[in-house]
Amino acid sequence: MERYAARFEAEGTLAAKPKGGRRRARLEAHGQRLREGISVEPDLTLAELQERVKKRLRVPLGLNALWHTLRRLGLSYKKRPSALPSRSART
């Protein structure tokens, strides 16, 4: 009970404090360098790009975080098949 009284005296309220908050993206400061790197090597897969980011920018991150960063920057990484689809098989 003393704890609540002390908090009310210090803060003027017993309401719950806000939780969490927005976490900043690890690559937020590297957006321009990421754009330049992709323009030089546009055919990288996500895994290859992840390795390059880890080595060159020294920012470890998962594939999902990288995917969200690319999407936020308006960059595409989707690969197209190198061969035409088969006409006999469903696509």
N, C-alpha and C. Protein backbone atom coordinates (compact mmCIF):
# COMPACT_ATOMS: atom_id res chain seq x y z
N MET A 1 0.81 -1.18 0.00
CA MET A 1 0.00 0.00 0.00
C MET A 1 0.86 1.26 0.00
N GLU A 2 1.99 1.18 0.69
CA GLU A 2 2.89 2.33 0.75
C GLU A 2 3.43 2.68 -0.63
N ARG A 3 3.65 1.64 -1.42
CA ARG A 3 4.17 1.85 -2.77
C ARG A 3 3.19 2.66 -3.60
N TYR A 4 1.89 2.34 -3.50
CA TYR A 4 0.87 3.07 -4.25
C TYR A 4 0.77 4.52 -3.79
N ALA A 5 0.86 4.72 -2.48
CA ALA A 5 0.79 6.07 -1.93
C ALA A 5 1.99 6.89 -2.40
N ALA A 6 3.16 6.27 -2.41
CA ALA A 6 4.36 6.98 -2.86
C ALA A 6 4.26 7.32 -4.34
N ARG A 7 3.74 6.40 -5.12
CA ARG A 7 3.60 6.67 -6.56
C ARG A 7 2.58 7.78 -6.80
N PHE A 8 1.45 7.74 -6.06
CA PHE A 8 0.44 8.77 -6.23
C PHE A 8 1.01 10.13 -5.83
N GLU A 9 1.81 10.14 -4.80
CA GLU A 9 2.41 11.39 -4.34
C GLU A 9 3.42 11.93 -5.35
N ALA A 10 4.20 11.03 -5.97
CA ALA A 10 5.23 11.45 -6.91
C ALA A 10 4.67 11.82 -8.27
N GLU A 11 3.68 11.02 -8.76
CA GLU A 11 3.18 11.20 -10.12
C GLU A 11 1.79 11.82 -10.20
N GLY A 12 1.06 11.77 -9.09
CA GLY A 12 -0.27 12.35 -9.08
C GLY A 12 -1.33 11.45 -9.69
N THR A 13 -0.98 10.21 -9.98
CA THR A 13 -1.94 9.27 -10.55
C THR A 13 -1.51 7.84 -10.25
N LEU A 14 -2.49 6.94 -10.30
CA LEU A 14 -2.22 5.52 -10.15
C LEU A 14 -2.46 4.76 -11.45
N ALA A 15 -2.70 5.51 -12.53
CA ALA A 15 -2.97 4.88 -13.84
C ALA A 15 -1.74 4.11 -14.31
N ALA A 16 -2.00 3.08 -15.08
CA ALA A 16 -0.91 2.27 -15.61
C ALA A 16 -0.02 3.09 -16.53
N LYS A 17 1.27 2.80 -16.47
CA LYS A 17 2.21 3.48 -17.34
C LYS A 17 2.13 2.88 -18.75
N PRO A 18 2.45 3.65 -19.77
CA PRO A 18 2.40 3.10 -21.13
C PRO A 18 3.43 1.98 -21.30
N LYS A 19 3.06 0.99 -22.09
CA LYS A 19 3.95 -0.15 -22.33
C LYS A 19 4.50 -0.11 -23.74
N GLY A 20 5.66 -0.70 -23.89
CA GLY A 20 6.23 -0.88 -25.22
C GLY A 20 6.63 0.43 -25.87
N GLY A 21 6.25 0.56 -27.10
CA GLY A 21 6.64 1.72 -27.88
C GLY A 21 7.13 1.27 -29.23
N ARG A 22 7.30 2.18 -30.13
CA ARG A 22 7.73 1.83 -31.48
C ARG A 22 9.21 1.51 -31.47
N ARG A 23 9.54 0.33 -31.98
CA ARG A 23 10.94 -0.04 -32.13
C ARG A 23 11.42 0.47 -33.47
N ARG A 24 12.57 1.12 -33.48
CA ARG A 24 13.11 1.64 -34.72
C ARG A 24 13.74 0.50 -35.51
N ALA A 25 13.60 0.59 -36.81
CA ALA A 25 14.18 -0.42 -37.69
C ALA A 25 15.70 -0.28 -37.67
N ARG A 26 16.40 -1.41 -37.67
CA ARG A 26 17.86 -1.38 -37.63
C ARG A 26 18.46 -0.76 -38.89
N LEU A 27 17.77 -0.88 -40.01
CA LEU A 27 18.31 -0.35 -41.27
C LEU A 27 17.78 1.03 -41.60
N GLU A 28 17.07 1.64 -40.69
CA GLU A 28 16.46 2.95 -40.95
C GLU A 28 17.51 3.98 -41.38
N ALA A 29 18.66 3.97 -40.75
CA ALA A 29 19.70 4.94 -41.07
C ALA A 29 20.47 4.57 -42.34
N HIS A 30 20.28 3.35 -42.84
CA HIS A 30 21.04 2.87 -43.99
C HIS A 30 20.20 2.77 -45.26
N GLY A 31 19.07 3.42 -45.30
CA GLY A 31 18.16 3.31 -46.44
C GLY A 31 18.80 3.66 -47.78
N GLN A 32 19.53 4.74 -47.83
CA GLN A 32 20.15 5.17 -49.09
C GLN A 32 21.22 4.17 -49.54
N ARG A 33 22.04 3.70 -48.61
CA ARG A 33 23.08 2.72 -48.97
C ARG A 33 22.45 1.41 -49.45
N LEU A 34 21.32 1.05 -48.84
CA LEU A 34 20.63 -0.17 -49.26
C LEU A 34 20.08 -0.01 -50.67
N ARG A 35 19.51 1.15 -50.97
CA ARG A 35 19.01 1.43 -52.33
C ARG A 35 20.13 1.35 -53.36
N GLU A 36 21.27 1.96 -53.03
CA GLU A 36 22.41 1.96 -53.95
C GLU A 36 22.93 0.54 -54.18
N GLY A 37 23.01 -0.24 -53.12
CA GLY A 37 23.49 -1.61 -53.25
C GLY A 37 22.58 -2.47 -54.10
N ILE A 38 21.28 -2.28 -53.97
CA ILE A 38 20.33 -3.05 -54.77
C ILE A 38 20.35 -2.59 -56.22
N SER A 39 20.59 -1.31 -56.46
CA SER A 39 20.65 -0.84 -57.85
C SER A 39 21.88 -1.41 -58.56
N VAL A 40 22.96 -1.65 -57.82
CA VAL A 40 24.17 -2.24 -58.40
C VAL A 40 23.97 -3.73 -58.68
N GLU A 41 23.34 -4.43 -57.72
CA GLU A 41 23.10 -5.87 -57.85
C GLU A 41 21.62 -6.17 -57.64
N PRO A 42 20.78 -5.90 -58.65
CA PRO A 42 19.34 -6.05 -58.45
C PRO A 42 18.84 -7.49 -58.40
N ASP A 43 19.67 -8.47 -58.77
CA ASP A 43 19.21 -9.85 -58.83
C ASP A 43 19.55 -10.66 -57.58
N LEU A 44 19.89 -10.00 -56.47
CA LEU A 44 20.20 -10.70 -55.23
C LEU A 44 18.95 -11.31 -54.61
N THR A 45 19.10 -12.47 -54.03
CA THR A 45 17.99 -13.03 -53.26
C THR A 45 18.00 -12.39 -51.88
N LEU A 46 16.94 -12.61 -51.12
CA LEU A 46 16.88 -12.05 -49.77
C LEU A 46 18.03 -12.56 -48.91
N ALA A 47 18.33 -13.85 -49.02
CA ALA A 47 19.41 -14.44 -48.22
C ALA A 47 20.76 -13.81 -48.59
N GLU A 48 21.00 -13.61 -49.88
CA GLU A 48 22.25 -12.98 -50.31
C GLU A 48 22.33 -11.53 -49.83
N LEU A 49 21.22 -10.83 -49.93
CA LEU A 49 21.18 -9.44 -49.48
C LEU A 49 21.39 -9.38 -47.96
N GLN A 50 20.82 -10.33 -47.25
CA GLN A 50 20.99 -10.39 -45.80
C GLN A 50 22.47 -10.55 -45.43
N GLU A 51 23.17 -11.41 -46.15
CA GLU A 51 24.60 -11.60 -45.90
C GLU A 51 25.39 -10.32 -46.19
N ARG A 52 25.06 -9.64 -47.27
CA ARG A 52 25.77 -8.41 -47.63
C ARG A 52 25.53 -7.31 -46.59
N VAL A 53 24.30 -7.23 -46.12
CA VAL A 53 23.98 -6.23 -45.09
C VAL A 53 24.76 -6.54 -43.82
N LYS A 54 24.83 -7.80 -43.49
CA LYS A 54 25.55 -8.20 -42.28
C LYS A 54 27.04 -7.88 -42.39
N LYS A 55 27.63 -8.14 -43.56
CA LYS A 55 29.07 -7.90 -43.74
C LYS A 55 29.40 -6.43 -43.94
N ARG A 56 28.69 -5.78 -44.83
CA ARG A 56 29.05 -4.40 -45.21
C ARG A 56 28.54 -3.35 -44.24
N LEU A 57 27.32 -3.50 -43.76
CA LEU A 57 26.75 -2.51 -42.86
C LEU A 57 26.90 -2.91 -41.39
N ARG A 58 27.30 -4.15 -41.17
CA ARG A 58 27.46 -4.69 -39.82
C ARG A 58 26.17 -4.59 -39.03
N VAL A 59 25.07 -4.97 -39.69
CA VAL A 59 23.76 -4.95 -39.06
C VAL A 59 23.17 -6.35 -39.18
N PRO A 60 23.16 -7.12 -38.09
CA PRO A 60 22.54 -8.44 -38.15
C PRO A 60 21.01 -8.32 -38.08
N LEU A 61 20.32 -8.97 -38.98
CA LEU A 61 18.86 -8.95 -38.96
C LEU A 61 18.31 -10.16 -39.69
N GLY A 62 17.08 -10.48 -39.41
CA GLY A 62 16.43 -11.63 -40.02
C GLY A 62 15.86 -11.30 -41.39
N LEU A 63 15.48 -12.36 -42.09
CA LEU A 63 14.91 -12.18 -43.43
C LEU A 63 13.61 -11.38 -43.38
N ASN A 64 12.80 -11.64 -42.37
CA ASN A 64 11.52 -10.94 -42.26
C ASN A 64 11.74 -9.44 -42.04
N ALA A 65 12.69 -9.08 -41.20
CA ALA A 65 12.99 -7.66 -40.98
C ALA A 65 13.51 -7.01 -42.26
N LEU A 66 14.33 -7.73 -43.00
CA LEU A 66 14.84 -7.22 -44.27
C LEU A 66 13.71 -7.03 -45.27
N TRP A 67 12.81 -8.00 -45.33
CA TRP A 67 11.66 -7.92 -46.23
C TRP A 67 10.82 -6.68 -45.91
N HIS A 68 10.55 -6.44 -44.63
CA HIS A 68 9.75 -5.28 -44.24
C HIS A 68 10.47 -3.97 -44.57
N THR A 69 11.77 -3.95 -44.40
CA THR A 69 12.54 -2.75 -44.72
C THR A 69 12.48 -2.46 -46.21
N LEU A 70 12.64 -3.50 -47.03
CA LEU A 70 12.57 -3.31 -48.49
C LEU A 70 11.19 -2.80 -48.89
N ARG A 71 10.17 -3.37 -48.29
CA ARG A 71 8.81 -2.95 -48.61
C ARG A 71 8.58 -1.49 -48.20
N ARG A 72 9.09 -1.11 -47.03
CA ARG A 72 8.95 0.26 -46.55
C ARG A 72 9.67 1.25 -47.47
N LEU A 73 10.80 0.82 -48.05
CA LEU A 73 11.55 1.67 -48.96
C LEU A 73 10.99 1.65 -50.38
N GLY A 74 10.00 0.80 -50.63
CA GLY A 74 9.41 0.71 -51.96
C GLY A 74 10.26 -0.06 -52.94
N LEU A 75 11.13 -0.94 -52.43
CA LEU A 75 12.01 -1.73 -53.29
C LEU A 75 11.45 -3.13 -53.48
N SER A 76 11.69 -3.69 -54.65
CA SER A 76 11.21 -5.03 -54.97
C SER A 76 12.38 -5.99 -55.02
N TYR A 77 12.14 -7.20 -54.56
CA TYR A 77 13.18 -8.22 -54.62
C TYR A 77 12.66 -9.49 -55.25
N LYS A 78 11.43 -9.45 -55.75
CA LYS A 78 10.80 -10.65 -56.29
C LYS A 78 11.51 -11.09 -57.56
N LYS A 79 11.78 -12.38 -57.61
CA LYS A 79 12.48 -12.94 -58.77
C LYS A 79 11.45 -13.55 -59.73
N ARG A 80 11.76 -13.47 -60.99
CA ARG A 80 10.92 -14.12 -62.01
C ARG A 80 11.61 -15.39 -62.45
N PRO A 81 10.83 -16.40 -62.82
CA PRO A 81 11.45 -17.64 -63.31
C PRO A 81 12.27 -17.37 -64.56
N SER A 82 13.40 -18.06 -64.69
CA SER A 82 14.25 -17.82 -65.85
C SER A 82 13.72 -18.50 -67.10
N ALA A 83 12.86 -19.50 -66.94
CA ALA A 83 12.29 -20.21 -68.09
C ALA A 83 10.81 -19.90 -68.19
N LEU A 84 10.28 -20.01 -69.39
CA LEU A 84 8.84 -19.83 -69.57
C LEU A 84 8.10 -20.98 -68.91
N PRO A 85 6.91 -20.73 -68.37
CA PRO A 85 6.16 -21.82 -67.77
C PRO A 85 5.72 -22.84 -68.82
N SER A 86 5.60 -24.06 -68.38
CA SER A 86 5.18 -25.14 -69.27
C SER A 86 3.72 -24.94 -69.67
N ARG A 87 3.42 -25.18 -70.94
CA ARG A 87 2.03 -25.05 -71.38
C ARG A 87 1.19 -26.23 -70.96
N SER A 88 1.82 -27.38 -70.71
CA SER A 88 1.07 -28.57 -70.36
C SER A 88 0.75 -28.63 -68.85
N ALA A 89 1.51 -27.95 -68.05
CA ALA A 89 1.29 -27.97 -66.61
C ALA A 89 0.55 -26.72 -66.17
N ARG A 90 -0.22 -26.88 -65.10
CA ARG A 90 -0.93 -25.73 -64.54
C ARG A 90 0.06 -24.78 -63.89
N THR A 91 -0.15 -23.51 -64.06
CA THR A 91 0.74 -22.54 -63.46
C THR A 91 -0.01 -21.68 -62.48
